Amino acid sequence: MIDKKALYGRFQDGQDRRQKFALKAAHKALDIAEGDVQITTTQSGFGWKELAVIGAIGLGVAWMFNQKEPAPVVPPAQTSPADADYEIRFYDEAGNPIRVDRVPGAESGGE
């Protein structure tokens, strides 16, 4: 059977050695005595400053999209006039008008 407590102890010892080494390297790099300052090297998640920057960027992008000019309004297409709007005249060879009576029901489109 595997002794999980012993394995975890070995893992924790390795983690402790890595953390001590990282702290020693940070103290040497910053030229600080090892007992003077406590340095924490981990940070997780977003802080309020990062969230404020992301929010400001989002508001700026939203403002830019709202500043676009609206699309021009296209007038509706013209419809053809009804048949009742036309007056048709007939002429003979001499240029005299020929009288033609309207067909009954022609005002309603001939249908």
C-alpha atoms as a PDB file:
ATOM      1  CA  MET A   1       0.000   0.000   0.000  1.00  0.00           C
ATOM      2  CA  ILE A   2       1.234   3.528  -0.799  1.00  0.00           C
ATOM      3  CA  ASP A   3       2.012   5.719   2.197  1.00  0.00           C
ATOM      4  CA  LYS A   4       0.417   9.016   1.114  1.00  0.00           C
ATOM      5  CA  LYS A   5       1.553  10.909   4.212  1.00  0.00           C
ATOM      6  CA  ALA A   6       5.179  10.052   3.556  1.00  0.00           C
ATOM      7  CA  LEU A   7       4.885  11.029  -0.119  1.00  0.00           C
ATOM      8  CA  TYR A   8       3.212  14.307   0.783  1.00  0.00           C
ATOM      9  CA  GLY A   9       5.968  15.025   3.314  1.00  0.00           C
ATOM     10  CA  ARG A  10       8.610  14.529   0.626  1.00  0.00           C
ATOM     11  CA  PHE A  11       6.644  16.769  -1.742  1.00  0.00           C
ATOM     12  CA  GLN A  12       6.293  19.474   0.925  1.00  0.00           C
ATOM     13  CA  ASP A  13      10.031  19.335   1.684  1.00  0.00           C
ATOM     14  CA  GLY A  14      10.773  19.930  -2.015  1.00  0.00           C
ATOM     15  CA  GLN A  15       8.350  22.855  -2.077  1.00  0.00           C
ATOM     16  CA  ASP A  16       9.964  24.367   1.025  1.00  0.00           C
ATOM     17  CA  ARG A  17      13.437  24.096  -0.537  1.00  0.00           C
ATOM     18  CA  ARG A  18      12.223  25.772  -3.745  1.00  0.00           C
ATOM     19  CA  GLN A  19      10.614  28.619  -1.813  1.00  0.00           C
ATOM     20  CA  LYS A  20      13.746  29.188   0.306  1.00  0.00           C
ATOM     21  CA  PHE A  21      15.869  29.227  -2.850  1.00  0.00           C
ATOM     22  CA  ALA A  22      13.528  31.716  -4.568  1.00  0.00           C
ATOM     23  CA  LEU A  23      13.571  34.007  -1.529  1.00  0.00           C
ATOM     24  CA  LYS A  24      17.364  33.817  -1.291  1.00  0.00           C
ATOM     25  CA  ALA A  25      17.673  34.659  -4.994  1.00  0.00           C
ATOM     26  CA  ALA A  26      15.294  37.620  -4.604  1.00  0.00           C
ATOM     27  CA  HIS A  27      17.264  38.947  -1.589  1.00  0.00           C
ATOM     28  CA  LYS A  28      20.533  38.661  -3.480  1.00  0.00           C
ATOM     29  CA  ALA A  29      19.093  40.271  -6.631  1.00  0.00           C
ATOM     30  CA  LEU A  30      17.679  43.203  -4.657  1.00  0.00           C
ATOM     31  CA  ASP A  31      20.765  43.410  -2.413  1.00  0.00           C
ATOM     32  CA  ILE A  32      18.694  43.084   0.765  1.00  0.00           C
ATOM     33  CA  ALA A  33      19.712  41.266   3.896  1.00  0.00           C
ATOM     34  CA  GLU A  34      17.830  37.998   4.275  1.00  0.00           C
ATOM     35  CA  GLY A  35      16.200  38.848   7.613  1.00  0.00           C
ATOM     36  CA  ASP A  36      15.191  42.448   6.878  1.00  0.00           C
ATOM     37  CA  VAL A  37      12.203  42.234   4.584  1.00  0.00           C
ATOM     38  CA  GLN A  38       9.569  39.625   3.994  1.00  0.00           C
ATOM     39  CA  ILE A  39       8.973  39.236   0.258  1.00  0.00           C
ATOM     40  CA  THR A  40       5.909  37.454  -1.050  1.00  0.00           C
ATOM     41  CA  THR A  41       6.224  36.251  -4.595  1.00  0.00           C
ATOM     42  CA  THR A  42       2.701  35.091  -5.394  1.00  0.00           C
ATOM     43  CA  GLN A  43      -0.364  36.954  -6.564  1.00  0.00           C
ATOM     44  CA  SER A  44      -3.551  35.400  -7.862  1.00  0.00           C
ATOM     45  CA  GLY A  45      -6.512  36.888  -9.662  1.00  0.00           C
ATOM     46  CA  PHE A  46      -7.281  40.419 -10.783  1.00  0.00           C
ATOM     47  CA  GLY A  47      -7.032  43.316  -8.385  1.00  0.00           C
ATOM     48  CA  TRP A  48      -9.270  46.364  -8.424  1.00  0.00           C
ATOM     49  CA  LYS A  49      -6.772  48.280 -10.544  1.00  0.00           C
ATOM     50  CA  GLU A  50      -6.734  45.678 -13.294  1.00  0.00           C
ATOM     51  CA  LEU A  51     -10.529  45.463 -13.282  1.00  0.00           C
ATOM     52  CA  ALA A  52     -10.764  49.275 -13.486  1.00  0.00           C
ATOM     53  CA  VAL A  53      -8.452  49.317 -16.522  1.00  0.00           C
ATOM     54  CA  ILE A  54     -10.452  46.575 -18.251  1.00  0.00           C
ATOM     55  CA  GLY A  55     -13.691  48.435 -17.502  1.00  0.00           C
ATOM     56  CA  ALA A  56     -12.283  51.700 -18.869  1.00  0.00           C
ATOM     57  CA  ILE A  57     -11.178  49.973 -22.062  1.00  0.00           C
ATOM     58  CA  GLY A  58     -14.627  48.414 -22.426  1.00  0.00           C
ATOM     59  CA  LEU A  59     -16.337  51.777 -21.975  1.00  0.00           C
ATOM     60  CA  GLY A  60     -14.006  53.358 -24.535  1.00  0.00           C
ATOM     61  CA  VAL A  61     -14.790  50.681 -27.103  1.00  0.00           C
ATOM     62  CA  ALA A  62     -18.545  51.029 -26.459  1.00  0.00           C
ATOM     63  CA  TRP A  63     -18.285  54.811 -26.873  1.00  0.00           C
ATOM     64  CA  MET A  64     -16.431  54.402 -30.176  1.00  0.00           C
ATOM     65  CA  PHE A  65     -19.137  52.110 -31.571  1.00  0.00           C
ATOM     66  CA  ASN A  66     -21.855  54.552 -30.524  1.00  0.00           C
ATOM     67  CA  GLN A  67     -20.102  57.439 -32.325  1.00  0.00           C
ATOM     68  CA  LYS A  68     -20.484  55.874 -35.765  1.00  0.00           C
ATOM     69  CA  GLU A  69     -22.695  57.872 -38.115  1.00  0.00           C
ATOM     70  CA  PRO A  70     -26.087  56.311 -38.662  1.00  0.00           C
ATOM     71  CA  ALA A  71     -26.748  54.810 -42.060  1.00  0.00           C
ATOM     72  CA  PRO A  72     -28.415  57.258 -44.443  1.00  0.00           C
ATOM     73  CA  VAL A  73     -32.154  56.847 -44.794  1.00  0.00           C
ATOM     74  CA  VAL A  74     -32.945  55.596 -48.266  1.00  0.00           C
ATOM     75  CA  PRO A  75     -36.265  56.897 -49.593  1.00  0.00           C
ATOM     76  CA  PRO A  76     -38.704  54.185 -50.621  1.00  0.00           C
ATOM     77  CA  ALA A  77     -38.699  53.178 -54.259  1.00  0.00           C
ATOM     78  CA  GLN A  78     -41.167  55.068 -56.419  1.00  0.00           C
ATOM     79  CA  THR A  79     -44.151  53.074 -57.479  1.00  0.00           C
ATOM     80  CA  SER A  80     -45.546  53.322 -60.975  1.00  0.00           C
ATOM     81  CA  PRO A  81     -48.661  55.476 -61.274  1.00  0.00           C
ATOM     82  CA  ALA A  82     -52.033  53.819 -61.674  1.00  0.00           C
ATOM     83  CA  ASP A  83     -53.532  53.459 -65.144  1.00  0.00           C
ATOM     84  CA  ALA A  84     -56.180  56.053 -64.283  1.00  0.00           C
ATOM     85  CA  ASP A  85     -53.447  58.716 -64.094  1.00  0.00           C
ATOM     86  CA  TYR A  86     -52.763  58.463 -67.850  1.00  0.00           C
ATOM     87  CA  GLU A  87     -54.787  60.013 -70.625  1.00  0.00           C
ATOM     88  CA  ILE A  88     -54.299  58.406 -73.999  1.00  0.00           C
ATOM     89  CA  ARG A  89     -55.111  60.394 -77.179  1.00  0.00           C
ATOM     90  CA  PHE A  90     -55.371  59.114 -80.723  1.00  0.00           C
ATOM     91  CA  TYR A  91     -54.729  61.201 -83.869  1.00  0.00           C
ATOM     92  CA  ASP A  92     -55.432  60.576 -87.538  1.00  0.00           C
ATOM     93  CA  GLU A  93     -52.936  61.168 -90.378  1.00  0.00           C
ATOM     94  CA  ALA A  94     -53.875  64.825 -90.624  1.00  0.00           C
ATOM     95  CA  GLY A  95     -53.204  65.391 -86.937  1.00  0.00           C
ATOM     96  CA  ASN A  96     -56.844  65.696 -85.927  1.00  0.00           C
ATOM     97  CA  PRO A  97     -57.721  64.125 -82.570  1.00  0.00           C
ATOM     98  CA  ILE A  98     -59.882  61.000 -82.676  1.00  0.00           C
ATOM     99  CA  ARG A  99     -62.427  60.769 -79.878  1.00  0.00           C
ATOM    100  CA  VAL A 100     -62.428  57.372 -78.064  1.00  0.00           C
ATOM    101  CA  ASP A 101     -64.860  56.714 -75.229  1.00  0.00           C
ATOM    102  CA  ARG A 102     -63.512  55.145 -72.103  1.00  0.00           C
ATOM    103  CA  VAL A 103     -64.221  51.512 -71.546  1.00  0.00           C
ATOM    104  CA  PRO A 104     -66.484  50.938 -68.534  1.00  0.00           C
ATOM    105  CA  GLY A 105     -64.472  49.694 -65.545  1.00  0.00           C
ATOM    106  CA  ALA A 106     -61.217  51.206 -66.853  1.00  0.00           C
ATOM    107  CA  GLU A 107     -60.941  53.478 -63.780  1.00  0.00           C
ATOM    108  CA  SER A 108     -60.437  50.435 -61.550  1.00  0.00           C
ATOM    109  CA  GLY A 109     -57.508  49.098 -63.562  1.00  0.00           C
ATOM    110  CA  GLY A 110     -59.467  47.120 -66.161  1.00  0.00           C
ATOM    111  CA  GLU A 111     -59.912  44.047 -64.002  1.00  0.00           C
END
